[in-house]
Amino acid sequence: MAWSESTAQLLRDRRFDEVGLEALIEEVSSLGIGQRHALASRLVVLIKHLLKWRYQPEKRKGGWEASIIEQRRRIARLLRTSPSLGALLEQECLDAYPDARREALAETGLHGSVIPEQPAFSVGQLLDESFLPE
């Protein structure tokens, strides 16, 4: 923490020659990776619960809906605080779907043919606060 604060002060003071450039590059790069991993993780949970909601309607639980609401809220926050993630959103959704599908199948015990292998929801549906698949 002290390193980041002192580096930030050096940048504010425009003392660029004193900034450890390699360390700064590594730190900025890891921030982007961390944000991308957070987005991917949230998408997997969101998609998994939407799949369970759609394909096991008889077992719907308030916890699933609460998780859907929470994941959407956190994804929206990530996109607000790191707008560059928006450019990656469609690909991250595509990448998250197989993992979410596998987890949904494992948790529900449904046969693999029940949940489609191709994404069942659009990016717009995933982020739409009022969307619940029926």
N, C-alpha and C. Protein backbone atom coordinates (compact mmCIF):
# COMPACT_ATOMS: atom_id res chain seq x y z
N MET A 1 0.82 -1.18 0.00
CA MET A 1 0.00 0.00 0.00
C MET A 1 0.87 1.26 0.00
N ALA A 2 1.93 1.24 0.78
CA ALA A 2 2.82 2.40 0.83
C ALA A 2 3.43 2.67 -0.54
N TRP A 3 3.78 1.58 -1.27
CA TRP A 3 4.36 1.75 -2.60
C TRP A 3 3.38 2.45 -3.52
N SER A 4 2.11 2.03 -3.52
CA SER A 4 1.14 2.62 -4.42
C SER A 4 0.88 4.08 -4.06
N GLU A 5 0.84 4.39 -2.77
CA GLU A 5 0.62 5.78 -2.36
C GLU A 5 1.80 6.66 -2.75
N SER A 6 3.00 6.17 -2.53
CA SER A 6 4.17 6.99 -2.89
C SER A 6 4.30 7.14 -4.40
N THR A 7 3.97 6.08 -5.15
CA THR A 7 4.01 6.16 -6.61
C THR A 7 2.95 7.13 -7.12
N ALA A 8 1.77 7.09 -6.53
CA ALA A 8 0.72 8.03 -6.92
C ALA A 8 1.15 9.46 -6.66
N GLN A 9 1.81 9.70 -5.53
CA GLN A 9 2.29 11.05 -5.24
C GLN A 9 3.36 11.50 -6.23
N LEU A 10 4.25 10.59 -6.58
CA LEU A 10 5.27 10.93 -7.59
C LEU A 10 4.61 11.30 -8.92
N LEU A 11 3.59 10.56 -9.30
CA LEU A 11 2.88 10.86 -10.54
C LEU A 11 2.15 12.20 -10.45
N ARG A 12 1.50 12.46 -9.33
CA ARG A 12 0.82 13.76 -9.14
C ARG A 12 1.80 14.91 -9.24
N ASP A 13 2.99 14.69 -8.67
CA ASP A 13 4.03 15.73 -8.68
C ASP A 13 4.79 15.79 -10.01
N ARG A 14 4.38 14.91 -10.94
CA ARG A 14 5.01 14.83 -12.26
C ARG A 14 6.52 14.54 -12.18
N ARG A 15 6.89 13.73 -11.20
CA ARG A 15 8.28 13.32 -11.03
C ARG A 15 8.44 11.93 -11.64
N PHE A 16 8.16 11.88 -12.94
CA PHE A 16 8.09 10.62 -13.67
C PHE A 16 9.40 9.84 -13.66
N ASP A 17 10.52 10.55 -13.65
CA ASP A 17 11.82 9.87 -13.68
C ASP A 17 12.09 9.09 -12.39
N GLU A 18 11.33 9.36 -11.34
CA GLU A 18 11.51 8.65 -10.06
C GLU A 18 10.56 7.46 -9.90
N VAL A 19 9.65 7.30 -10.84
CA VAL A 19 8.67 6.21 -10.77
C VAL A 19 9.31 4.93 -11.26
N GLY A 20 9.13 3.86 -10.50
CA GLY A 20 9.58 2.53 -10.93
C GLY A 20 8.66 2.03 -12.02
N LEU A 21 9.04 2.27 -13.26
CA LEU A 21 8.15 2.01 -14.39
C LEU A 21 7.75 0.55 -14.52
N GLU A 22 8.67 -0.37 -14.35
CA GLU A 22 8.35 -1.80 -14.49
C GLU A 22 7.34 -2.23 -13.42
N ALA A 23 7.54 -1.77 -12.20
CA ALA A 23 6.61 -2.11 -11.11
C ALA A 23 5.24 -1.50 -11.38
N LEU A 24 5.22 -0.28 -11.90
CA LEU A 24 3.95 0.38 -12.22
C LEU A 24 3.20 -0.36 -13.32
N ILE A 25 3.92 -0.77 -14.34
CA ILE A 25 3.31 -1.53 -15.44
C ILE A 25 2.72 -2.83 -14.91
N GLU A 26 3.46 -3.52 -14.08
CA GLU A 26 2.99 -4.79 -13.51
C GLU A 26 1.75 -4.58 -12.65
N GLU A 27 1.76 -3.52 -11.85
CA GLU A 27 0.62 -3.22 -10.97
C GLU A 27 -0.62 -2.88 -11.77
N VAL A 28 -0.49 -2.04 -12.78
CA VAL A 28 -1.64 -1.66 -13.61
C VAL A 28 -2.18 -2.87 -14.35
N SER A 29 -1.29 -3.70 -14.86
CA SER A 29 -1.70 -4.90 -15.57
C SER A 29 -2.46 -5.85 -14.65
N SER A 30 -2.00 -6.03 -13.43
CA SER A 30 -2.67 -6.94 -12.50
C SER A 30 -4.03 -6.41 -12.08
N LEU A 31 -4.18 -5.09 -12.03
CA LEU A 31 -5.50 -4.53 -11.72
C LEU A 31 -6.51 -4.91 -12.79
N GLY A 32 -6.13 -4.78 -14.04
CA GLY A 32 -7.03 -5.14 -15.13
C GLY A 32 -7.38 -6.61 -15.12
N ILE A 33 -6.40 -7.44 -14.84
CA ILE A 33 -6.64 -8.89 -14.78
C ILE A 33 -7.58 -9.23 -13.63
N GLY A 34 -7.38 -8.59 -12.49
CA GLY A 34 -8.24 -8.84 -11.34
C GLY A 34 -9.68 -8.44 -11.62
N GLN A 35 -9.88 -7.31 -12.27
CA GLN A 35 -11.22 -6.86 -12.61
C GLN A 35 -11.88 -7.82 -13.61
N ARG A 36 -11.10 -8.28 -14.56
CA ARG A 36 -11.64 -9.20 -15.56
C ARG A 36 -12.03 -10.54 -14.92
N HIS A 37 -11.21 -11.02 -13.99
CA HIS A 37 -11.53 -12.26 -13.28
C HIS A 37 -12.80 -12.08 -12.43
N ALA A 38 -12.92 -10.93 -11.81
CA ALA A 38 -14.12 -10.66 -11.01
C ALA A 38 -15.37 -10.67 -11.89
N LEU A 39 -15.27 -10.05 -13.05
CA LEU A 39 -16.40 -10.03 -13.98
C LEU A 39 -16.75 -11.45 -14.41
N ALA A 40 -15.75 -12.23 -14.78
CA ALA A 40 -15.98 -13.60 -15.23
C ALA A 40 -16.65 -14.43 -14.12
N SER A 41 -16.18 -14.29 -12.92
CA SER A 41 -16.73 -15.04 -11.80
C SER A 41 -18.19 -14.66 -11.56
N ARG A 42 -18.49 -13.38 -11.59
CA ARG A 42 -19.87 -12.92 -11.39
C ARG A 42 -20.78 -13.44 -12.50
N LEU A 43 -20.28 -13.43 -13.73
CA LEU A 43 -21.08 -13.91 -14.86
C LEU A 43 -21.40 -15.39 -14.73
N VAL A 44 -20.44 -16.19 -14.30
CA VAL A 44 -20.68 -17.62 -14.13
C VAL A 44 -21.81 -17.85 -13.12
N VAL A 45 -21.75 -17.18 -11.99
CA VAL A 45 -22.78 -17.35 -10.97
C VAL A 45 -24.13 -16.87 -11.48
N LEU A 46 -24.15 -15.71 -12.14
CA LEU A 46 -25.40 -15.18 -12.68
C LEU A 46 -26.02 -16.14 -13.69
N ILE A 47 -25.24 -16.58 -14.65
CA ILE A 47 -25.75 -17.48 -15.69
C ILE A 47 -26.21 -18.80 -15.08
N LYS A 48 -25.45 -19.33 -14.15
CA LYS A 48 -25.82 -20.60 -13.50
C LYS A 48 -27.19 -20.48 -12.84
N HIS A 49 -27.43 -19.42 -12.10
CA HIS A 49 -28.71 -19.28 -11.43
C HIS A 49 -29.85 -19.00 -12.40
N LEU A 50 -29.57 -18.29 -13.49
CA LEU A 50 -30.60 -18.11 -14.51
C LEU A 50 -30.95 -19.43 -15.19
N LEU A 51 -29.94 -20.26 -15.43
CA LEU A 51 -30.19 -21.58 -16.01
C LEU A 51 -31.01 -22.44 -15.06
N LYS A 52 -30.64 -22.45 -13.81
CA LYS A 52 -31.40 -23.23 -12.83
C LYS A 52 -32.83 -22.71 -12.74
N TRP A 53 -33.00 -21.40 -12.78
CA TRP A 53 -34.34 -20.80 -12.73
C TRP A 53 -35.19 -21.26 -13.91
N ARG A 54 -34.58 -21.26 -15.11
CA ARG A 54 -35.34 -21.64 -16.31
C ARG A 54 -35.61 -23.14 -16.37
N TYR A 55 -34.62 -23.96 -16.08
CA TYR A 55 -34.74 -25.39 -16.34
C TYR A 55 -35.14 -26.22 -15.12
N GLN A 56 -35.31 -25.60 -13.97
CA GLN A 56 -35.85 -26.29 -12.80
C GLN A 56 -36.87 -25.41 -12.10
N PRO A 57 -37.91 -25.02 -12.82
CA PRO A 57 -38.89 -24.09 -12.23
C PRO A 57 -39.56 -24.62 -10.97
N GLU A 58 -39.69 -25.92 -10.87
CA GLU A 58 -40.36 -26.50 -9.69
C GLU A 58 -39.50 -26.39 -8.43
N LYS A 59 -38.23 -26.07 -8.59
CA LYS A 59 -37.33 -25.98 -7.43
C LYS A 59 -36.82 -24.55 -7.20
N ARG A 60 -37.49 -23.58 -7.81
CA ARG A 60 -37.06 -22.19 -7.65
C ARG A 60 -37.04 -21.80 -6.18
N LYS A 61 -35.99 -21.05 -5.84
CA LYS A 61 -35.80 -20.63 -4.46
C LYS A 61 -35.53 -19.13 -4.45
N GLY A 62 -35.90 -18.51 -3.35
CA GLY A 62 -35.60 -17.08 -3.18
C GLY A 62 -34.12 -16.81 -3.24
N GLY A 63 -33.33 -17.78 -2.81
CA GLY A 63 -31.87 -17.60 -2.85
C GLY A 63 -31.34 -17.46 -4.26
N TRP A 64 -31.94 -18.17 -5.20
CA TRP A 64 -31.51 -18.05 -6.59
C TRP A 64 -31.79 -16.64 -7.10
N GLU A 65 -33.00 -16.17 -6.81
CA GLU A 65 -33.36 -14.82 -7.27
C GLU A 65 -32.49 -13.77 -6.59
N ALA A 66 -32.23 -13.94 -5.31
CA ALA A 66 -31.36 -13.00 -4.59
C ALA A 66 -29.96 -12.99 -5.19
N SER A 67 -29.46 -14.17 -5.55
CA SER A 67 -28.14 -14.26 -6.18
C SER A 67 -28.13 -13.56 -7.54
N ILE A 68 -29.20 -13.74 -8.31
CA ILE A 68 -29.31 -13.09 -9.62
C ILE A 68 -29.26 -11.57 -9.44
N ILE A 69 -30.02 -11.07 -8.48
CA ILE A 69 -30.04 -9.63 -8.20
C ILE A 69 -28.66 -9.15 -7.78
N GLU A 70 -28.03 -9.88 -6.87
CA GLU A 70 -26.71 -9.51 -6.35
C GLU A 70 -25.65 -9.51 -7.45
N GLN A 71 -25.64 -10.55 -8.27
CA GLN A 71 -24.62 -10.62 -9.32
C GLN A 71 -24.81 -9.48 -10.33
N ARG A 72 -26.03 -9.19 -10.69
CA ARG A 72 -26.29 -8.08 -11.61
C ARG A 72 -25.82 -6.75 -11.01
N ARG A 73 -26.08 -6.57 -9.73
CA ARG A 73 -25.66 -5.34 -9.06
C ARG A 73 -24.14 -5.21 -9.07
N ARG A 74 -23.47 -6.30 -8.77
CA ARG A 74 -22.00 -6.27 -8.72
C ARG A 74 -21.39 -6.13 -10.11
N ILE A 75 -21.99 -6.75 -11.10
CA ILE A 75 -21.51 -6.61 -12.48
C ILE A 75 -21.68 -5.16 -12.92
N ALA A 76 -22.83 -4.56 -12.62
CA ALA A 76 -23.07 -3.16 -12.98
C ALA A 76 -22.03 -2.26 -12.32
N ARG A 77 -21.71 -2.55 -11.07
CA ARG A 77 -20.70 -1.75 -10.37
C ARG A 77 -19.32 -1.92 -11.03
N LEU A 78 -18.98 -3.14 -11.37
CA LEU A 78 -17.70 -3.37 -12.06
C LEU A 78 -17.63 -2.58 -13.37
N LEU A 79 -18.71 -2.61 -14.12
CA LEU A 79 -18.74 -1.91 -15.40
C LEU A 79 -18.69 -0.40 -15.22
N ARG A 80 -19.26 0.10 -14.12
CA ARG A 80 -19.19 1.55 -13.84
C ARG A 80 -17.79 1.97 -13.43
N THR A 81 -17.17 1.17 -12.57
CA THR A 81 -15.85 1.56 -12.05
C THR A 81 -14.72 1.23 -13.02
N SER A 82 -14.96 0.29 -13.92
CA SER A 82 -13.95 -0.08 -14.92
C SER A 82 -14.63 -0.14 -16.29
N PRO A 83 -14.91 1.02 -16.88
CA PRO A 83 -15.66 1.05 -18.13
C PRO A 83 -15.01 0.26 -19.26
N SER A 84 -13.70 0.08 -19.22
CA SER A 84 -13.04 -0.68 -20.27
C SER A 84 -13.50 -2.14 -20.32
N LEU A 85 -14.07 -2.63 -19.21
CA LEU A 85 -14.59 -4.00 -19.20
C LEU A 85 -15.77 -4.16 -20.15
N GLY A 86 -16.46 -3.08 -20.43
CA GLY A 86 -17.60 -3.13 -21.33
C GLY A 86 -17.25 -3.69 -22.69
N ALA A 87 -16.05 -3.39 -23.17
CA ALA A 87 -15.60 -3.89 -24.46
C ALA A 87 -15.37 -5.40 -24.43
N LEU A 88 -15.18 -5.95 -23.25
CA LEU A 88 -14.91 -7.38 -23.10
C LEU A 88 -16.15 -8.17 -22.71
N LEU A 89 -17.24 -7.48 -22.45
CA LEU A 89 -18.42 -8.10 -21.86
C LEU A 89 -18.99 -9.26 -22.69
N GLU A 90 -19.16 -9.04 -23.98
CA GLU A 90 -19.76 -10.09 -24.81
C GLU A 90 -18.89 -11.35 -24.81
N GLN A 91 -17.59 -11.19 -24.97
CA GLN A 91 -16.70 -12.36 -24.96
C GLN A 91 -16.67 -13.03 -23.59
N GLU A 92 -16.67 -12.23 -22.54
CA GLU A 92 -16.68 -12.80 -21.18
C GLU A 92 -17.95 -13.61 -20.94
N CYS A 93 -19.09 -13.12 -21.46
CA CYS A 93 -20.35 -13.87 -21.33
C CYS A 93 -20.26 -15.20 -22.07
N LEU A 94 -19.71 -15.17 -23.28
CA LEU A 94 -19.54 -16.41 -24.05
C LEU A 94 -18.61 -17.38 -23.34
N ASP A 95 -17.54 -16.86 -22.78
CA ASP A 95 -16.57 -17.70 -22.08
C ASP A 95 -17.15 -18.27 -20.77
N ALA A 96 -18.02 -17.51 -20.11
CA ALA A 96 -18.58 -17.94 -18.83
C ALA A 96 -19.65 -19.01 -18.99
N TYR A 97 -20.32 -19.03 -20.13
CA TYR A 97 -21.47 -19.91 -20.29
C TYR A 97 -21.15 -21.40 -20.08
N PRO A 98 -20.10 -21.95 -20.71
CA PRO A 98 -19.83 -23.39 -20.51
C PRO A 98 -19.60 -23.75 -19.04
N ASP A 99 -18.90 -22.90 -18.31
CA ASP A 99 -18.66 -23.17 -16.89
C ASP A 99 -19.97 -23.11 -16.11
N ALA A 100 -20.78 -22.08 -16.40
CA ALA A 100 -22.07 -21.94 -15.71
C ALA A 100 -22.97 -23.13 -16.02
N ARG A 101 -22.97 -23.56 -17.26
CA ARG A 101 -23.78 -24.71 -17.68
C ARG A 101 -23.35 -25.97 -16.94
N ARG A 102 -22.04 -26.21 -16.89
CA ARG A 102 -21.51 -27.38 -16.19
C ARG A 102 -21.91 -27.37 -14.71
N GLU A 103 -21.78 -26.20 -14.08
CA GLU A 103 -22.14 -26.10 -12.66
C GLU A 103 -23.64 -26.30 -12.46
N ALA A 104 -24.45 -25.72 -13.35
CA ALA A 104 -25.90 -25.88 -13.23
C ALA A 104 -26.29 -27.35 -13.39
N LEU A 105 -25.68 -28.03 -14.34
CA LEU A 105 -25.97 -29.46 -14.54
C LEU A 105 -25.57 -30.26 -13.30
N ALA A 106 -24.41 -29.95 -12.75
CA ALA A 106 -23.94 -30.67 -11.57
C ALA A 106 -24.84 -30.44 -10.37
N GLU A 107 -25.30 -29.20 -10.20
CA GLU A 107 -26.12 -28.87 -9.03
C GLU A 107 -27.56 -29.35 -9.17
N THR A 108 -28.06 -29.45 -10.39
CA THR A 108 -29.46 -29.83 -10.58
C THR A 108 -29.65 -31.32 -10.84
N GLY A 109 -28.60 -31.97 -11.34
CA GLY A 109 -28.73 -33.38 -11.71
C GLY A 109 -29.47 -33.57 -13.02
N LEU A 110 -29.72 -32.49 -13.74
CA LEU A 110 -30.40 -32.59 -15.03
C LEU A 110 -29.50 -33.25 -16.06
N HIS A 111 -30.10 -33.91 -17.02
CA HIS A 111 -29.36 -34.52 -18.13
C HIS A 111 -28.77 -33.39 -19.00
N GLY A 112 -27.60 -33.62 -19.54
CA GLY A 112 -26.91 -32.61 -20.34
C GLY A 112 -27.69 -32.10 -21.53
N SER A 113 -28.61 -32.89 -22.03
CA SER A 113 -29.39 -32.45 -23.19
C SER A 113 -30.46 -31.42 -22.83
N VAL A 114 -30.74 -31.25 -21.54
CA VAL A 114 -31.79 -30.32 -21.12
C VAL A 114 -31.34 -28.86 -21.28
N ILE A 115 -30.12 -28.59 -20.88
CA ILE A 115 -29.60 -27.22 -20.96
C ILE A 115 -28.75 -27.11 -22.23
N PRO A 116 -29.08 -26.17 -23.09
CA PRO A 116 -28.37 -26.07 -24.37
C PRO A 116 -26.89 -25.76 -24.21
N GLU A 117 -26.11 -26.26 -25.16
CA GLU A 117 -24.67 -26.00 -25.14
C GLU A 117 -24.34 -24.58 -25.56
N GLN A 118 -25.19 -23.98 -26.36
CA GLN A 118 -24.99 -22.59 -26.79
C GLN A 118 -25.67 -21.66 -25.78
N PRO A 119 -25.14 -20.46 -25.61
CA PRO A 119 -25.71 -19.54 -24.62
C PRO A 119 -27.22 -19.39 -24.74
N ALA A 120 -27.89 -19.47 -23.61
CA ALA A 120 -29.34 -19.43 -23.56
C ALA A 120 -29.88 -18.01 -23.37
N PHE A 121 -28.98 -17.06 -23.09
CA PHE A 121 -29.40 -15.69 -22.81
C PHE A 121 -28.49 -14.70 -23.54
N SER A 122 -29.06 -13.59 -23.95
CA SER A 122 -28.26 -12.52 -24.57
C SER A 122 -27.59 -11.71 -23.46
N VAL A 123 -26.61 -10.92 -23.84
CA VAL A 123 -25.96 -10.03 -22.87
C VAL A 123 -27.00 -9.08 -22.28
N GLY A 124 -27.89 -8.57 -23.14
CA GLY A 124 -28.94 -7.68 -22.66
C GLY A 124 -29.82 -8.33 -21.61
N GLN A 125 -30.19 -9.57 -21.82
CA GLN A 125 -31.01 -10.29 -20.84
C GLN A 125 -30.24 -10.50 -19.55
N LEU A 126 -28.97 -10.84 -19.67
CA LEU A 126 -28.18 -11.06 -18.46
C LEU A 126 -28.14 -9.83 -17.57
N LEU A 127 -28.06 -8.66 -18.17
CA LEU A 127 -27.93 -7.43 -17.41
C LEU A 127 -29.26 -6.75 -17.08
N ASP A 128 -30.33 -7.23 -17.68
CA ASP A 128 -31.67 -6.63 -17.48
C ASP A 128 -32.22 -7.02 -16.12
N GLU A 129 -32.35 -6.03 -15.24
CA GLU A 129 -32.79 -6.29 -13.86
C GLU A 129 -34.16 -6.93 -13.79
N SER A 130 -34.98 -6.75 -14.80
CA SER A 130 -36.34 -7.29 -14.75
C SER A 130 -36.46 -8.65 -15.44
N PHE A 131 -35.37 -9.13 -16.04
CA PHE A 131 -35.44 -10.39 -16.78
C PHE A 131 -35.25 -11.60 -15.87
N LEU A 132 -36.22 -12.47 -15.88
CA LEU A 132 -36.12 -13.81 -15.30
C LEU A 132 -36.71 -14.76 -16.34
N PRO A 133 -35.95 -15.75 -16.76
CA PRO A 133 -36.45 -16.67 -17.79
C PRO A 133 -37.61 -17.52 -17.28
N GLU A 134 -38.57 -17.73 -18.13
CA GLU A 134 -39.72 -18.53 -17.72
C GLU A 134 -39.76 -19.81 -18.51
